[in-house]
Protein backbone atom coordinates (compact mmCIF):
# COMPACT_ATOMS: atom_id res chain seq x y z
CA MET A 1 7.82 -17.32 63.60
CA SER A 2 4.47 -17.69 65.32
CA ARG A 3 1.28 -16.13 64.02
CA ARG A 4 1.21 -13.93 67.15
CA PHE A 5 4.59 -12.35 66.38
CA LEU A 6 3.65 -11.85 62.71
CA VAL A 7 0.58 -9.92 63.78
CA LEU A 8 2.69 -7.74 66.11
CA PHE A 9 5.33 -7.10 63.47
CA ALA A 10 2.69 -6.12 60.97
CA ALA A 11 1.07 -3.79 63.47
CA PHE A 12 4.34 -1.87 63.89
CA GLY A 13 5.08 -1.81 60.18
CA LEU A 14 7.92 -4.32 60.43
CA VAL A 15 6.56 -6.72 57.84
CA SER A 16 6.56 -5.61 54.22
CA CYS A 17 4.32 -7.01 51.54
CA ALA A 18 5.55 -7.59 48.02
CA ALA A 19 4.27 -4.94 45.66
CA SER A 20 1.62 -6.15 43.25
CA PRO A 21 2.66 -6.18 39.62
CA SER A 22 1.95 -2.79 38.06
CA THR A 23 0.02 -2.46 34.80
CA PRO A 24 2.44 -1.67 32.00
CA PRO A 25 1.96 1.75 30.46
CA PRO A 26 0.16 1.83 27.13
CA PRO A 27 2.43 1.90 24.10
CA ALA A 28 3.36 5.34 22.81
CA PRO A 29 1.30 6.41 19.80
CA PRO A 30 3.09 6.12 16.46
CA VAL A 31 4.88 9.26 15.37
CA GLY A 32 3.67 10.87 12.16
CA GLY A 33 5.42 13.41 10.02
CA VAL A 34 7.33 13.69 6.77
CA LEU A 35 9.02 10.58 5.39
CA THR A 36 12.56 11.07 4.21
CA ALA A 37 12.53 10.77 0.43
CA ALA A 38 15.44 9.80 -1.78
CA GLN A 39 16.09 10.54 -5.41
CA PRO A 40 15.26 7.44 -7.47
CA ALA A 41 18.32 5.47 -8.47
CA PRO A 42 19.13 5.37 -12.19
CA THR A 43 17.23 2.60 -13.93
CA THR A 44 19.47 -0.39 -14.61
CA PRO A 45 18.67 -3.52 -16.59
CA PRO A 46 17.84 -6.63 -14.54
CA THR A 47 20.90 -8.74 -13.75
CA THR A 48 19.16 -11.70 -15.38
CA THR A 49 16.59 -12.15 -18.10
CA GLN A 50 14.92 -14.84 -16.02
CA ILE A 51 11.71 -13.60 -14.39
CA ASP A 52 10.18 -15.94 -11.83
CA VAL A 53 6.71 -16.16 -10.33
CA ALA A 54 5.42 -16.95 -6.85
CA SER A 55 6.08 -20.58 -5.96
CA GLY A 56 3.40 -20.59 -3.27
CA PRO A 57 0.90 -18.41 -1.45
CA VAL A 58 1.92 -14.84 -0.61
CA SER A 59 0.21 -12.42 1.78
CA LEU A 60 1.32 -8.82 2.42
CA ARG A 61 -0.35 -6.05 4.37
CA TYR A 62 0.93 -2.54 5.00
CA THR A 63 -0.71 -0.47 7.75
CA PHE A 64 1.97 2.30 7.93
CA ASP A 65 1.49 2.40 11.70
CA GLY A 66 5.15 2.12 12.66
CA GLY A 67 5.77 5.86 12.40
CA ILE A 68 8.47 7.84 10.66
CA HIS A 69 11.30 6.46 12.81
CA LEU A 70 10.89 2.86 11.64
CA PRO A 71 11.25 1.31 8.17
CA ILE A 72 7.97 0.87 6.30
CA THR A 73 7.48 -2.88 6.22
CA ASP A 74 4.54 -5.22 5.95
CA THR A 75 2.94 -6.51 9.13
CA ASN A 76 5.40 -9.44 9.16
CA GLY A 77 8.39 -7.08 9.21
CA GLY A 78 9.53 -7.66 5.63
CA ASN A 79 9.12 -6.29 2.10
CA GLU A 80 10.34 -2.81 2.96
CA LEU A 81 9.04 0.18 1.01
CA ARG A 82 11.05 3.40 0.57
CA ALA A 83 9.89 6.89 -0.26
CA PHE A 84 11.13 8.45 -3.49
CA GLY A 85 10.44 12.00 -4.58
CA GLU A 86 11.28 14.69 -7.11
CA ASN A 87 10.80 18.47 -7.17
CA GLY A 88 10.30 18.58 -3.42
CA GLY A 89 7.55 15.97 -3.46
CA ALA A 90 7.12 14.43 -0.01
CA LEU A 91 5.01 11.80 1.71
CA ARG A 92 3.61 12.29 5.21
CA LEU A 93 2.34 9.82 7.77
CA VAL A 94 -0.85 11.31 9.18
CA PRO A 95 -3.19 10.14 11.97
CA GLU A 96 -5.96 7.79 10.94
CA GLY A 97 -7.94 6.11 13.71
CA PRO A 98 -5.48 4.57 16.19
CA GLY A 99 -2.77 4.39 13.53
CA LEU A 100 -1.37 6.25 10.55
CA ALA A 101 -2.00 6.61 6.82
CA VAL A 102 0.17 7.94 3.98
CA ALA A 103 -0.68 11.40 2.65
CA TYR A 104 0.52 12.13 -0.88
CA PRO A 105 1.37 15.53 -2.41
CA ASP A 106 -1.56 17.78 -3.26
CA ARG A 107 -2.72 17.66 -6.85
CA CYS A 108 -0.34 19.83 -8.86
CA ARG A 109 -1.84 22.58 -11.04
CA LEU A 110 1.38 24.00 -12.47
CA ALA A 111 1.47 24.75 -16.18
CA LYS A 112 4.33 22.31 -16.78
CA GLU A 113 4.00 18.84 -15.32
CA LYS A 114 7.77 18.42 -15.23
CA ASP A 115 7.87 21.06 -12.47
CA CYS A 116 5.31 19.29 -10.27
CA PRO A 117 6.25 17.71 -6.91
CA ARG A 118 6.06 13.92 -7.10
CA ALA A 119 6.47 11.18 -4.50
CA ILE A 120 5.76 7.46 -4.23
CA LEU A 121 6.54 4.39 -2.12
CA GLU A 122 8.55 1.67 -3.84
CA GLY A 123 9.89 -1.73 -2.87
CA ALA A 124 12.79 -3.75 -4.22
CA ARG A 125 12.51 -6.17 -7.09
CA ASP A 126 10.89 -9.33 -5.75
CA ASP A 127 9.73 -11.95 -8.25
CA ARG A 128 7.83 -13.70 -5.46
CA LEU A 129 5.21 -10.96 -5.92
CA ASN A 130 4.55 -12.05 -9.51
CA PRO A 131 1.28 -14.00 -9.50
CA GLY A 132 1.66 -15.60 -12.93
CA THR A 133 -1.77 -17.18 -13.50
CA ARG A 134 -2.46 -17.77 -9.80
CA PRO A 135 -5.47 -16.27 -7.98
CA LEU A 136 -4.70 -12.67 -7.06
CA HIS A 137 -6.25 -10.25 -4.56
CA TYR A 138 -4.92 -6.74 -4.00
CA GLY A 139 -6.14 -3.33 -2.93
CA ALA A 140 -6.00 -0.44 -0.50
CA SER A 141 -8.11 2.01 1.46
CA VAL A 142 -8.13 5.50 -0.05
CA ARG A 143 -9.49 8.90 0.83
CA MET A 144 -9.81 11.44 -1.98
CA THR A 145 -11.70 14.61 -2.75
CA LYS A 146 -12.67 16.16 -6.08
CA ALA A 147 -9.55 18.34 -5.85
CA ASP A 148 -7.39 15.18 -5.86
CA LEU A 149 -8.66 13.83 -9.18
CA ALA A 150 -6.70 13.84 -12.43
CA ASP A 151 -6.36 11.84 -15.65
CA GLY A 152 -3.97 9.51 -13.85
CA ALA A 153 -3.92 8.54 -10.16
CA ASN A 154 -2.32 5.15 -9.52
CA VAL A 155 -2.92 3.61 -6.11
CA LEU A 156 -1.02 0.33 -6.34
CA GLN A 157 0.81 -1.43 -9.15
CA LYS A 158 3.47 -3.87 -10.22
CA GLY A 159 4.67 -3.59 -13.78
CA TYR A 160 3.58 -1.55 -16.79
CA SER A 161 0.90 -1.86 -19.44
CA VAL A 162 3.28 -1.21 -22.35
CA GLY A 163 6.12 -3.10 -23.98
CA GLY A 164 4.87 -6.53 -22.99
CA VAL A 165 6.07 -6.00 -19.41
CA THR A 166 2.74 -7.19 -17.85
CA GLN A 167 0.97 -5.48 -14.96
CA PHE A 168 -1.57 -5.55 -12.17
CA LYS A 169 -2.83 -2.16 -11.02
CA LEU A 170 -5.45 -0.31 -8.97
CA GLN A 171 -6.19 3.29 -9.95
CA VAL A 172 -8.69 6.12 -9.50
CA ASP A 173 -8.64 8.00 -12.76
CA HIS A 174 -10.39 10.92 -14.43
CA LEU A 175 -12.83 13.45 -13.03
CA GLN A 176 -15.54 10.83 -12.45
CA GLY A 177 -13.59 9.41 -9.50
CA HIS A 178 -14.16 5.83 -10.64
CA PRO A 179 -11.71 3.26 -9.27
CA SER A 180 -10.60 0.53 -11.64
CA CYS A 181 -8.68 -2.74 -11.56
CA VAL A 182 -6.29 -3.43 -14.43
CA LEU A 183 -4.52 -6.57 -15.64
CA VAL A 184 -2.19 -6.68 -18.65
CA GLY A 185 -0.41 -9.74 -20.02
CA ARG A 186 2.28 -10.07 -22.65
CA ALA A 187 -0.32 -9.78 -25.41
CA ARG A 188 -0.64 -6.14 -24.24
CA THR A 189 -4.44 -6.21 -24.14
CA ILE A 190 -5.63 -4.08 -21.21
CA TYR A 191 -8.36 -5.66 -19.10
CA LYS A 192 -10.10 -3.12 -16.86
CA ALA A 193 -12.94 -3.63 -14.38
CA GLU A 194 -14.33 -0.17 -13.59
CA PRO A 195 -17.31 0.41 -11.30
CA ALA A 196 -19.52 3.40 -12.11
CA HIS A 197 -19.08 4.68 -8.56
CA ASP A 198 -17.47 7.96 -7.46
CA VAL A 199 -15.17 7.43 -4.48
CA ALA A 200 -13.72 10.98 -4.41
CA ASP A 201 -16.14 12.12 -1.72
CA GLY A 202 -13.73 12.86 1.15
CA ARG A 203 -14.51 9.57 2.90
CA TRP A 204 -12.45 6.41 3.29
CA HIS A 205 -13.23 3.62 0.83
CA ASN A 206 -11.78 0.12 0.72
CA LEU A 207 -10.95 -0.78 -2.90
CA THR A 208 -10.03 -4.33 -3.90
CA CYS A 209 -9.28 -6.24 -7.10
CA THR A 210 -9.69 -10.02 -7.36
CA ARG A 211 -8.53 -12.26 -10.20
CA THR A 212 -9.86 -15.81 -10.05
CA GLY A 213 -9.52 -18.01 -13.10
CA ASN A 214 -11.06 -16.11 -16.00
CA ARG A 215 -12.68 -13.28 -14.02
CA LEU A 216 -11.47 -9.92 -12.72
CA THR A 217 -13.67 -8.24 -10.10
CA ALA A 218 -13.51 -4.75 -8.63
CA ALA A 219 -15.08 -4.23 -5.22
CA ILE A 220 -15.81 -1.10 -3.19
CA ASP A 221 -16.26 -1.39 0.58
CA GLY A 222 -16.72 -5.14 0.33
CA VAL A 223 -19.34 -5.06 -2.44
CA ASP A 224 -18.54 -6.41 -5.91
CA GLU A 225 -19.22 -3.56 -8.32
CA ALA A 226 -17.78 -4.69 -11.68
CA THR A 227 -16.65 -8.01 -13.16
CA ILE A 228 -15.12 -8.71 -16.56
CA PRO A 229 -13.87 -11.87 -18.31
CA ILE A 230 -10.14 -12.37 -18.81
CA PRO A 231 -8.12 -15.18 -20.41
CA ARG A 232 -7.38 -18.05 -18.04
CA ASP A 233 -3.81 -18.15 -19.28
CA LEU A 234 -3.15 -14.43 -18.72
CA SER A 235 0.15 -14.42 -16.82
CA ILE A 236 1.62 -11.48 -14.90
CA ALA A 237 5.36 -11.63 -14.30
CA ASN A 238 7.79 -8.72 -14.48
CA ALA A 239 11.03 -7.43 -12.97
CA GLU A 240 9.39 -4.27 -11.59
CA PRO A 241 9.01 -3.50 -7.87
CA LEU A 242 5.75 -2.98 -6.04
CA ARG A 243 4.84 0.72 -6.18
CA ILE A 244 2.25 2.67 -4.22
CA GLY A 245 1.04 6.10 -5.31
CA GLY A 246 2.40 6.22 -8.86
CA LYS A 247 4.29 4.32 -11.52
CA GLY A 248 7.55 6.06 -10.59
CA ALA A 249 8.72 9.48 -9.49
CA ALA A 250 9.57 10.88 -12.92
CA THR A 251 7.40 13.08 -15.13
CA GLY A 252 4.17 11.43 -16.23
CA ASN A 253 4.03 9.13 -13.23
CA ASP A 254 0.22 9.17 -12.79
CA GLN A 255 0.74 10.67 -9.35
CA PHE A 256 -1.84 9.82 -6.69
CA ALA A 257 -3.21 12.64 -4.53
CA GLY A 258 -5.05 11.98 -1.29
CA GLU A 259 -4.40 9.39 1.42
CA ILE A 260 -3.71 5.64 1.27
CA ASP A 261 -3.87 3.04 4.04
CA ASN A 262 -4.09 -0.73 4.54
CA VAL A 263 -2.45 -1.90 1.32
CA ILE A 264 -2.89 -5.63 0.70
CA LEU A 265 -1.51 -8.16 -1.78
CA THR A 266 -2.44 -11.84 -1.70
CA ILE A 267 -1.39 -14.53 -4.17
CA GLY A 268 -3.16 -17.87 -3.83
CA ASN A 269 -2.39 -21.43 -4.83
């Protein structure tokens, strides 16, 4: 067809032009709300006495930005966490910046602790999250107020400090609002790096714990605030799952109150 006829066709609207690609709509914001909580399953002994440790580097990060309609996984889509609660304790995903954070039950003031609502996030047993003696870096962002403080408020942990189980833990305990990093080996000695810094001020703070060789360091908002010596051969390996917000859902669980976001766990070479 000649250029002359193309011009005439276009003039009478007989030539159509392909539509330009449209800009895709922005993704829908994540949906917050109450997470469905289950009753914790009865505790059963491990199927094997063998407890392994990480065979190579591990890196996990939880942002909680998927919303209530998706499983809570790390940013790689694995290591799912589930909500467990007792006495009506519930976890909520609440807006934080462009994403979401986890809001824990308000601090309970009932006369009997056994009647208090409790709720945590818990993964499955995964020995790949045992650092052994490897370099270890873990932490979370938290927002707490004075009303959230108590004698026990566990942010992140794997294992226990009793019975030779071994443990790594991040907590914000007591009315001073001091965060602390804890490591416990089979010798049952508790090593705690505790900055003299109150983080229960209603603002977000990034809390991290770093074990390198014979040192354990607690940092607040990227600044090293406390460092203590630890044995080089201190090994952490247990059959417990990763838990966020408490050491379980039963009575005496050192329930966290406030909000948690951006949980990280890194095991080095």
